[in-house]
Amino acid sequence: MRKSITALTLLLAAGTLAACDSDAERGLVGAGGGAAIAAATGGNAVTGAVIGGAAGVFCDDVGVCN
């Protein structure tokens, strides 16, 4: 069940990131999503926020969320 929730959260986050216009918006959404996923899976929310924020900022640079 936990994997299903995590997969659904990732899909929703990817859709939300694609709708953001700037790096700052994608960074904030990524940080929030990373923290939520980390907390839901028993990880460190701060580490999840840092990784999610970085992923949000750089996702358009690598062509993931154009």
N, C-alpha and C. Protein backbone atom coordinates (compact mmCIF):
# COMPACT_ATOMS: atom_id res chain seq x y z
N MET A 1 0.83 -1.20 0.00
CA MET A 1 0.00 0.00 0.00
C MET A 1 0.87 1.25 0.00
N ARG A 2 1.95 1.23 0.75
CA ARG A 2 2.83 2.39 0.84
C ARG A 2 3.43 2.72 -0.51
N LYS A 3 3.78 1.69 -1.31
CA LYS A 3 4.36 1.93 -2.63
C LYS A 3 3.32 2.56 -3.56
N SER A 4 2.08 2.17 -3.44
CA SER A 4 1.02 2.75 -4.27
C SER A 4 0.84 4.23 -3.97
N ILE A 5 0.86 4.58 -2.70
CA ILE A 5 0.71 5.97 -2.30
C ILE A 5 1.90 6.78 -2.78
N THR A 6 3.10 6.24 -2.64
CA THR A 6 4.30 6.94 -3.10
C THR A 6 4.26 7.14 -4.61
N ALA A 7 3.87 6.13 -5.36
CA ALA A 7 3.80 6.25 -6.82
C ALA A 7 2.77 7.29 -7.23
N LEU A 8 1.62 7.30 -6.59
CA LEU A 8 0.58 8.28 -6.89
C LEU A 8 1.07 9.69 -6.56
N THR A 9 1.74 9.84 -5.45
CA THR A 9 2.27 11.15 -5.07
C THR A 9 3.30 11.63 -6.08
N LEU A 10 4.16 10.74 -6.55
CA LEU A 10 5.15 11.13 -7.55
C LEU A 10 4.49 11.57 -8.86
N LEU A 11 3.46 10.87 -9.27
CA LEU A 11 2.75 11.25 -10.49
C LEU A 11 2.08 12.61 -10.35
N LEU A 12 1.46 12.85 -9.22
CA LEU A 12 0.82 14.14 -8.99
C LEU A 12 1.85 15.27 -8.92
N ALA A 13 2.98 14.99 -8.29
CA ALA A 13 4.03 16.00 -8.19
C ALA A 13 4.60 16.33 -9.57
N ALA A 14 4.79 15.32 -10.40
CA ALA A 14 5.31 15.56 -11.75
C ALA A 14 4.36 16.43 -12.55
N GLY A 15 3.08 16.18 -12.43
CA GLY A 15 2.09 17.01 -13.12
C GLY A 15 2.08 18.44 -12.61
N THR A 16 2.23 18.60 -11.32
CA THR A 16 2.25 19.94 -10.73
C THR A 16 3.51 20.68 -11.14
N LEU A 17 4.64 19.99 -11.16
CA LEU A 17 5.90 20.63 -11.57
C LEU A 17 5.83 21.11 -13.02
N ALA A 18 5.19 20.35 -13.86
CA ALA A 18 5.09 20.73 -15.27
C ALA A 18 4.26 22.01 -15.44
N ALA A 19 3.34 22.27 -14.53
CA ALA A 19 2.50 23.46 -14.64
C ALA A 19 3.17 24.71 -14.10
N CYS A 20 4.28 24.58 -13.42
CA CYS A 20 4.98 25.74 -12.85
C CYS A 20 5.78 26.44 -13.95
N ASP A 21 5.87 27.77 -13.84
CA ASP A 21 6.52 28.56 -14.87
C ASP A 21 7.98 28.91 -14.58
N SER A 22 8.35 29.00 -13.32
CA SER A 22 9.71 29.45 -13.01
C SER A 22 10.44 28.40 -12.17
N ASP A 23 11.76 28.56 -12.12
CA ASP A 23 12.58 27.65 -11.31
C ASP A 23 12.19 27.74 -9.84
N ALA A 24 11.87 28.95 -9.37
CA ALA A 24 11.49 29.12 -7.96
C ALA A 24 10.20 28.37 -7.63
N GLU A 25 9.22 28.45 -8.52
CA GLU A 25 7.97 27.72 -8.28
C GLU A 25 8.20 26.22 -8.27
N ARG A 26 8.97 25.73 -9.26
CA ARG A 26 9.26 24.30 -9.31
C ARG A 26 10.07 23.86 -8.10
N GLY A 27 10.97 24.72 -7.63
CA GLY A 27 11.76 24.39 -6.44
C GLY A 27 10.90 24.27 -5.20
N LEU A 28 9.95 25.18 -5.04
CA LEU A 28 9.07 25.13 -3.87
C LEU A 28 8.16 23.91 -3.91
N VAL A 29 7.61 23.62 -5.08
CA VAL A 29 6.75 22.44 -5.20
C VAL A 29 7.57 21.17 -4.99
N GLY A 30 8.77 21.14 -5.55
CA GLY A 30 9.63 19.98 -5.37
C GLY A 30 10.04 19.77 -3.92
N ALA A 31 10.32 20.87 -3.23
CA ALA A 31 10.69 20.77 -1.81
C ALA A 31 9.53 20.25 -0.98
N GLY A 32 8.34 20.77 -1.23
CA GLY A 32 7.17 20.29 -0.51
C GLY A 32 6.88 18.83 -0.79
N GLY A 33 6.96 18.46 -2.05
CA GLY A 33 6.73 17.06 -2.42
C GLY A 33 7.78 16.13 -1.86
N GLY A 34 9.03 16.56 -1.91
CA GLY A 34 10.12 15.74 -1.37
C GLY A 34 9.98 15.53 0.13
N ALA A 35 9.60 16.59 0.84
CA ALA A 35 9.41 16.47 2.29
C ALA A 35 8.24 15.54 2.61
N ALA A 36 7.14 15.68 1.85
CA ALA A 36 5.96 14.84 2.10
C ALA A 36 6.25 13.37 1.82
N ILE A 37 6.93 13.10 0.72
CA ILE A 37 7.25 11.71 0.38
C ILE A 37 8.20 11.12 1.40
N ALA A 38 9.21 11.89 1.80
CA ALA A 38 10.16 11.38 2.80
C ALA A 38 9.46 11.10 4.13
N ALA A 39 8.60 11.99 4.55
CA ALA A 39 7.88 11.78 5.81
C ALA A 39 6.94 10.57 5.73
N ALA A 40 6.30 10.40 4.58
CA ALA A 40 5.36 9.28 4.42
C ALA A 40 6.06 7.93 4.36
N THR A 41 7.30 7.93 3.93
CA THR A 41 8.03 6.67 3.80
C THR A 41 9.01 6.45 4.95
N GLY A 42 8.96 7.29 5.98
CA GLY A 42 9.80 7.11 7.14
C GLY A 42 11.19 7.70 7.01
N GLY A 43 11.40 8.55 6.01
CA GLY A 43 12.70 9.18 5.82
C GLY A 43 12.78 10.53 6.51
N ASN A 44 13.88 11.22 6.28
CA ASN A 44 14.12 12.54 6.86
C ASN A 44 13.46 13.58 5.96
N ALA A 45 12.52 14.34 6.49
CA ALA A 45 11.77 15.32 5.70
C ALA A 45 12.67 16.45 5.19
N VAL A 46 13.66 16.85 5.98
CA VAL A 46 14.56 17.92 5.54
C VAL A 46 15.39 17.46 4.35
N THR A 47 15.92 16.26 4.42
CA THR A 47 16.69 15.72 3.30
C THR A 47 15.80 15.59 2.07
N GLY A 48 14.58 15.12 2.25
CA GLY A 48 13.63 15.01 1.15
C GLY A 48 13.33 16.37 0.53
N ALA A 49 13.20 17.41 1.36
CA ALA A 49 12.93 18.75 0.85
C ALA A 49 14.10 19.28 0.04
N VAL A 50 15.31 19.04 0.52
CA VAL A 50 16.49 19.51 -0.22
C VAL A 50 16.59 18.81 -1.57
N ILE A 51 16.43 17.50 -1.58
CA ILE A 51 16.53 16.75 -2.83
C ILE A 51 15.37 17.11 -3.76
N GLY A 52 14.16 17.20 -3.23
CA GLY A 52 13.01 17.57 -4.04
C GLY A 52 13.11 18.98 -4.60
N GLY A 53 13.60 19.90 -3.80
CA GLY A 53 13.78 21.28 -4.27
C GLY A 53 14.80 21.36 -5.39
N ALA A 54 15.91 20.66 -5.24
CA ALA A 54 16.92 20.65 -6.29
C ALA A 54 16.38 20.01 -7.57
N ALA A 55 15.63 18.94 -7.41
CA ALA A 55 15.04 18.28 -8.58
C ALA A 55 14.05 19.21 -9.27
N GLY A 56 13.28 19.96 -8.50
CA GLY A 56 12.33 20.89 -9.08
C GLY A 56 13.00 22.02 -9.84
N VAL A 57 14.08 22.55 -9.29
CA VAL A 57 14.78 23.65 -9.94
C VAL A 57 15.43 23.20 -11.25
N PHE A 58 16.00 22.02 -11.25
CA PHE A 58 16.77 21.60 -12.42
C PHE A 58 16.00 20.69 -13.38
N CYS A 59 14.73 20.40 -13.11
CA CYS A 59 14.01 19.45 -13.97
C CYS A 59 13.85 19.98 -15.39
N ASP A 60 13.67 21.28 -15.58
CA ASP A 60 13.52 21.79 -16.94
C ASP A 60 14.85 21.84 -17.67
N ASP A 61 15.94 21.95 -16.94
CA ASP A 61 17.27 21.99 -17.56
C ASP A 61 17.64 20.65 -18.21
N VAL A 62 17.10 19.57 -17.67
CA VAL A 62 17.40 18.24 -18.24
C VAL A 62 16.25 17.75 -19.12
N GLY A 63 15.22 18.57 -19.31
CA GLY A 63 14.13 18.23 -20.22
C GLY A 63 13.05 17.34 -19.65
N VAL A 64 12.95 17.25 -18.31
CA VAL A 64 11.95 16.39 -17.71
C VAL A 64 10.59 17.08 -17.63
N CYS A 65 10.56 18.34 -17.29
CA CYS A 65 9.28 19.03 -17.10
C CYS A 65 9.15 20.26 -17.97
N ASN A 66 9.38 20.11 -19.24
CA ASN A 66 9.26 21.24 -20.19
C ASN A 66 7.81 21.58 -20.41
